Amino acid sequence: MSALAKASGALKSVDYEVFGRVQGKDGRWYTEEEARKLGVVGWVKNTSQGTVTGQVQGPEDKVNAMKSWLSKVGSPSSRIDRTSFSNEKEISKLDFSGFSTRY
């Protein structure tokens, strides 16, 4: 387990989907930036249904902060109608080394 994980307690993983006017290059870019600022890892991508989906992993408090950002803030040009979270669980190690955009 990394020093970051030990210092911050339990590691969490959660899948998300953001609904509204949320697609566009800047939406993914801002999501990556916020994830890096918070120190979480995972990914983000646009879906063919017009939503943005992804996964976030990291210390529980930082994952919770990212969940809040995904639900309430988003990119400056987005309009978030709702955000759904699923598969939230405690994990023993991170599956990703950073945060990336998938295509």
N, C-alpha and C. Protein backbone atom coordinates (compact mmCIF):
# COMPACT_ATOMS: atom_id res chain seq x y z
N MET A 1 0.86 -1.20 0.00
CA MET A 1 0.00 0.00 0.00
C MET A 1 0.89 1.25 0.00
N SER A 2 0.51 2.24 -0.74
CA SER A 2 1.33 3.45 -0.85
C SER A 2 1.27 4.28 0.42
N ALA A 3 2.23 5.14 0.59
CA ALA A 3 2.26 6.04 1.75
C ALA A 3 1.03 6.94 1.74
N LEU A 4 0.60 7.35 0.56
CA LEU A 4 -0.60 8.18 0.43
C LEU A 4 -1.81 7.45 1.00
N ALA A 5 -1.96 6.19 0.64
CA ALA A 5 -3.11 5.41 1.12
C ALA A 5 -3.06 5.23 2.63
N LYS A 6 -1.88 4.92 3.16
CA LYS A 6 -1.74 4.72 4.61
C LYS A 6 -2.08 5.99 5.38
N ALA A 7 -1.61 7.12 4.86
CA ALA A 7 -1.83 8.39 5.56
C ALA A 7 -3.29 8.81 5.53
N SER A 8 -4.01 8.42 4.49
CA SER A 8 -5.37 8.91 4.31
C SER A 8 -6.45 7.91 4.68
N GLY A 9 -6.07 6.72 5.12
CA GLY A 9 -7.06 5.72 5.47
C GLY A 9 -7.45 4.88 4.28
N ALA A 10 -8.70 4.43 4.26
CA ALA A 10 -9.18 3.48 3.26
C ALA A 10 -9.16 4.05 1.85
N LEU A 11 -8.84 3.18 0.91
CA LEU A 11 -8.93 3.53 -0.50
C LEU A 11 -10.31 3.15 -1.01
N LYS A 12 -10.88 3.99 -1.84
CA LYS A 12 -12.21 3.76 -2.41
C LYS A 12 -12.14 3.78 -3.92
N SER A 13 -13.09 3.10 -4.53
CA SER A 13 -13.29 3.14 -5.97
C SER A 13 -14.78 3.37 -6.23
N VAL A 14 -15.10 4.20 -7.20
CA VAL A 14 -16.50 4.43 -7.54
C VAL A 14 -16.61 4.74 -9.04
N ASP A 15 -17.64 4.18 -9.66
CA ASP A 15 -17.97 4.48 -11.05
C ASP A 15 -18.97 5.63 -11.05
N TYR A 16 -18.93 6.46 -12.09
CA TYR A 16 -19.87 7.59 -12.15
C TYR A 16 -20.37 7.79 -13.57
N GLU A 17 -21.54 8.45 -13.65
CA GLU A 17 -22.09 8.90 -14.92
C GLU A 17 -22.76 10.23 -14.68
N VAL A 18 -22.38 11.22 -15.48
CA VAL A 18 -22.90 12.58 -15.33
C VAL A 18 -23.86 12.86 -16.49
N PHE A 19 -25.06 13.34 -16.14
CA PHE A 19 -26.11 13.63 -17.12
C PHE A 19 -26.33 15.13 -17.21
N GLY A 20 -26.68 15.61 -18.41
CA GLY A 20 -26.93 17.03 -18.64
C GLY A 20 -26.22 17.46 -19.90
N ARG A 21 -25.86 18.72 -19.98
CA ARG A 21 -25.05 19.21 -21.10
C ARG A 21 -23.60 19.14 -20.62
N VAL A 22 -23.01 17.98 -20.77
CA VAL A 22 -21.72 17.74 -20.12
C VAL A 22 -20.62 17.30 -21.08
N GLN A 23 -20.95 17.05 -22.34
CA GLN A 23 -19.92 16.60 -23.26
C GLN A 23 -19.18 17.76 -23.89
N GLY A 24 -18.02 17.45 -24.38
CA GLY A 24 -17.16 18.45 -25.00
C GLY A 24 -15.76 18.28 -24.47
N LYS A 25 -14.79 18.69 -25.24
CA LYS A 25 -13.39 18.51 -24.86
C LYS A 25 -13.09 19.17 -23.52
N ASP A 26 -13.65 20.35 -23.28
CA ASP A 26 -13.32 21.04 -22.03
C ASP A 26 -13.85 20.29 -20.81
N GLY A 27 -14.96 19.57 -20.97
CA GLY A 27 -15.51 18.82 -19.84
C GLY A 27 -14.55 17.74 -19.36
N ARG A 28 -14.00 17.00 -20.31
CA ARG A 28 -13.04 15.96 -19.95
C ARG A 28 -11.76 16.59 -19.40
N TRP A 29 -11.31 17.68 -20.02
CA TRP A 29 -10.09 18.35 -19.57
C TRP A 29 -10.24 18.84 -18.13
N TYR A 30 -11.35 19.51 -17.83
CA TYR A 30 -11.57 20.01 -16.47
C TYR A 30 -11.69 18.86 -15.47
N THR A 31 -12.28 17.74 -15.89
CA THR A 31 -12.39 16.59 -15.00
C THR A 31 -11.00 16.04 -14.68
N GLU A 32 -10.15 15.92 -15.70
CA GLU A 32 -8.77 15.47 -15.47
C GLU A 32 -8.03 16.42 -14.54
N GLU A 33 -8.18 17.71 -14.78
CA GLU A 33 -7.49 18.72 -13.94
C GLU A 33 -7.93 18.62 -12.48
N GLU A 34 -9.23 18.53 -12.26
CA GLU A 34 -9.75 18.45 -10.89
C GLU A 34 -9.25 17.18 -10.21
N ALA A 35 -9.24 16.07 -10.93
CA ALA A 35 -8.75 14.81 -10.37
C ALA A 35 -7.29 14.94 -9.96
N ARG A 36 -6.48 15.57 -10.80
CA ARG A 36 -5.06 15.75 -10.47
C ARG A 36 -4.90 16.66 -9.26
N LYS A 37 -5.68 17.73 -9.20
CA LYS A 37 -5.61 18.64 -8.04
C LYS A 37 -5.94 17.90 -6.75
N LEU A 38 -6.96 17.05 -6.81
CA LEU A 38 -7.40 16.33 -5.61
C LEU A 38 -6.51 15.14 -5.29
N GLY A 39 -5.77 14.65 -6.28
CA GLY A 39 -4.91 13.50 -6.04
C GLY A 39 -5.63 12.17 -6.15
N VAL A 40 -6.62 12.08 -7.04
CA VAL A 40 -7.30 10.81 -7.30
C VAL A 40 -6.88 10.30 -8.68
N VAL A 41 -7.11 9.01 -8.93
CA VAL A 41 -6.77 8.40 -10.21
C VAL A 41 -8.03 7.83 -10.83
N GLY A 42 -7.95 7.50 -12.12
CA GLY A 42 -9.09 6.91 -12.81
C GLY A 42 -9.16 7.37 -14.23
N TRP A 43 -10.39 7.51 -14.74
CA TRP A 43 -10.58 7.88 -16.14
C TRP A 43 -11.94 8.55 -16.35
N VAL A 44 -12.06 9.17 -17.53
CA VAL A 44 -13.29 9.85 -17.94
C VAL A 44 -13.46 9.64 -19.44
N LYS A 45 -14.71 9.52 -19.90
CA LYS A 45 -14.96 9.47 -21.35
C LYS A 45 -16.39 9.88 -21.65
N ASN A 46 -16.59 10.37 -22.87
CA ASN A 46 -17.92 10.67 -23.37
C ASN A 46 -18.59 9.37 -23.79
N THR A 47 -19.92 9.30 -23.64
CA THR A 47 -20.66 8.13 -24.12
C THR A 47 -21.49 8.53 -25.34
N SER A 48 -21.98 7.55 -26.06
CA SER A 48 -22.82 7.82 -27.22
C SER A 48 -24.21 8.31 -26.80
N GLN A 49 -24.55 8.19 -25.52
CA GLN A 49 -25.84 8.67 -25.01
C GLN A 49 -25.79 10.14 -24.59
N GLY A 50 -24.64 10.79 -24.76
CA GLY A 50 -24.53 12.20 -24.40
C GLY A 50 -24.14 12.45 -22.95
N THR A 51 -23.75 11.40 -22.25
CA THR A 51 -23.31 11.54 -20.86
C THR A 51 -21.79 11.44 -20.80
N VAL A 52 -21.26 11.65 -19.61
CA VAL A 52 -19.84 11.45 -19.35
C VAL A 52 -19.76 10.38 -18.27
N THR A 53 -18.91 9.39 -18.48
CA THR A 53 -18.78 8.30 -17.53
C THR A 53 -17.32 8.09 -17.16
N GLY A 54 -17.09 7.37 -16.07
CA GLY A 54 -15.71 7.10 -15.68
C GLY A 54 -15.62 6.41 -14.34
N GLN A 55 -14.41 6.39 -13.83
CA GLN A 55 -14.14 5.78 -12.54
C GLN A 55 -13.14 6.64 -11.79
N VAL A 56 -13.33 6.73 -10.48
CA VAL A 56 -12.41 7.48 -9.61
C VAL A 56 -11.94 6.54 -8.51
N GLN A 57 -10.64 6.59 -8.22
CA GLN A 57 -10.07 5.81 -7.11
C GLN A 57 -9.13 6.70 -6.31
N GLY A 58 -9.07 6.43 -5.01
CA GLY A 58 -8.15 7.15 -4.14
C GLY A 58 -8.61 7.07 -2.70
N PRO A 59 -7.96 7.85 -1.84
CA PRO A 59 -8.39 7.91 -0.44
C PRO A 59 -9.84 8.36 -0.35
N GLU A 60 -10.56 7.83 0.60
CA GLU A 60 -12.01 8.07 0.70
C GLU A 60 -12.37 9.55 0.69
N ASP A 61 -11.66 10.38 1.46
CA ASP A 61 -12.00 11.81 1.52
C ASP A 61 -11.81 12.49 0.17
N LYS A 62 -10.78 12.08 -0.57
CA LYS A 62 -10.53 12.70 -1.88
C LYS A 62 -11.53 12.22 -2.92
N VAL A 63 -11.91 10.94 -2.86
CA VAL A 63 -12.95 10.42 -3.75
C VAL A 63 -14.26 11.15 -3.48
N ASN A 64 -14.58 11.36 -2.21
CA ASN A 64 -15.81 12.09 -1.86
C ASN A 64 -15.78 13.52 -2.39
N ALA A 65 -14.61 14.16 -2.34
CA ALA A 65 -14.48 15.52 -2.87
C ALA A 65 -14.70 15.52 -4.39
N MET A 66 -14.19 14.51 -5.07
CA MET A 66 -14.37 14.41 -6.52
C MET A 66 -15.82 14.12 -6.85
N LYS A 67 -16.49 13.29 -6.06
CA LYS A 67 -17.92 13.02 -6.27
C LYS A 67 -18.72 14.31 -6.16
N SER A 68 -18.39 15.13 -5.19
CA SER A 68 -19.08 16.40 -5.01
C SER A 68 -18.85 17.31 -6.23
N TRP A 69 -17.61 17.37 -6.72
CA TRP A 69 -17.30 18.19 -7.88
C TRP A 69 -18.06 17.70 -9.11
N LEU A 70 -18.09 16.37 -9.30
CA LEU A 70 -18.81 15.80 -10.45
C LEU A 70 -20.31 16.07 -10.37
N SER A 71 -20.85 16.18 -9.16
CA SER A 71 -22.29 16.38 -8.98
C SER A 71 -22.70 17.83 -9.06
N LYS A 72 -21.82 18.75 -8.64
CA LYS A 72 -22.24 20.14 -8.45
C LYS A 72 -21.49 21.17 -9.28
N VAL A 73 -20.25 20.88 -9.69
CA VAL A 73 -19.42 21.91 -10.31
C VAL A 73 -19.22 21.64 -11.81
N GLY A 74 -18.43 20.64 -12.14
CA GLY A 74 -18.15 20.33 -13.54
C GLY A 74 -17.37 21.43 -14.23
N SER A 75 -17.33 21.36 -15.55
CA SER A 75 -16.61 22.38 -16.31
C SER A 75 -17.45 23.65 -16.38
N PRO A 76 -16.81 24.78 -16.65
CA PRO A 76 -17.56 26.05 -16.71
C PRO A 76 -18.70 26.04 -17.73
N SER A 77 -18.55 25.28 -18.82
CA SER A 77 -19.60 25.28 -19.86
C SER A 77 -20.63 24.17 -19.68
N SER A 78 -20.51 23.39 -18.62
CA SER A 78 -21.45 22.27 -18.44
C SER A 78 -22.70 22.68 -17.66
N ARG A 79 -23.74 21.88 -17.85
CA ARG A 79 -24.94 21.98 -17.03
C ARG A 79 -25.22 20.57 -16.52
N ILE A 80 -25.02 20.35 -15.24
CA ILE A 80 -25.19 19.02 -14.66
C ILE A 80 -26.63 18.87 -14.19
N ASP A 81 -27.34 17.91 -14.78
CA ASP A 81 -28.71 17.62 -14.34
C ASP A 81 -28.70 16.65 -13.17
N ARG A 82 -27.90 15.60 -13.28
CA ARG A 82 -27.74 14.66 -12.18
C ARG A 82 -26.50 13.82 -12.41
N THR A 83 -26.02 13.21 -11.34
CA THR A 83 -24.86 12.33 -11.42
C THR A 83 -25.20 11.05 -10.68
N SER A 84 -24.94 9.92 -11.30
CA SER A 84 -25.18 8.65 -10.61
C SER A 84 -23.85 8.00 -10.30
N PHE A 85 -23.79 7.37 -9.14
CA PHE A 85 -22.59 6.67 -8.69
C PHE A 85 -22.95 5.21 -8.46
N SER A 86 -22.06 4.31 -8.84
CA SER A 86 -22.31 2.88 -8.66
C SER A 86 -21.01 2.16 -8.34
N ASN A 87 -21.16 0.92 -7.90
CA ASN A 87 -20.00 0.06 -7.60
C ASN A 87 -19.03 0.71 -6.63
N GLU A 88 -19.53 1.48 -5.67
CA GLU A 88 -18.64 2.10 -4.69
C GLU A 88 -18.17 1.04 -3.72
N LYS A 89 -16.84 0.93 -3.59
CA LYS A 89 -16.30 -0.12 -2.72
C LYS A 89 -14.92 0.27 -2.21
N GLU A 90 -14.52 -0.38 -1.13
CA GLU A 90 -13.17 -0.23 -0.60
C GLU A 90 -12.26 -1.14 -1.42
N ILE A 91 -11.08 -0.63 -1.75
CA ILE A 91 -10.11 -1.42 -2.52
C ILE A 91 -8.79 -1.48 -1.76
N SER A 92 -7.98 -2.48 -2.06
CA SER A 92 -6.70 -2.63 -1.36
C SER A 92 -5.57 -1.90 -2.05
N LYS A 93 -5.72 -1.67 -3.38
CA LYS A 93 -4.70 -0.92 -4.11
C LYS A 93 -5.35 -0.22 -5.31
N LEU A 94 -4.67 0.81 -5.79
CA LEU A 94 -5.16 1.57 -6.94
C LEU A 94 -4.92 0.79 -8.22
N ASP A 95 -5.89 0.83 -9.14
CA ASP A 95 -5.76 0.16 -10.43
C ASP A 95 -5.13 1.06 -11.50
N PHE A 96 -4.98 2.34 -11.20
CA PHE A 96 -4.47 3.30 -12.18
C PHE A 96 -3.33 4.09 -11.55
N SER A 97 -2.43 4.62 -12.42
CA SER A 97 -1.33 5.42 -11.90
C SER A 97 -1.60 6.92 -12.06
N GLY A 98 -2.64 7.27 -12.79
CA GLY A 98 -2.99 8.67 -12.99
C GLY A 98 -4.43 8.78 -13.42
N PHE A 99 -4.81 9.94 -13.95
CA PHE A 99 -6.18 10.15 -14.41
C PHE A 99 -6.11 10.47 -15.90
N SER A 100 -6.88 9.76 -16.71
CA SER A 100 -6.78 9.93 -18.15
C SER A 100 -8.16 10.01 -18.82
N THR A 101 -8.14 10.49 -20.05
CA THR A 101 -9.32 10.50 -20.90
C THR A 101 -9.30 9.27 -21.77
N ARG A 102 -10.43 8.59 -21.85
CA ARG A 102 -10.55 7.44 -22.74
C ARG A 102 -11.42 7.83 -23.93
N TYR A 103 -11.16 7.18 -25.06
CA TYR A 103 -11.92 7.48 -26.29
C TYR A 103 -12.58 6.24 -26.82
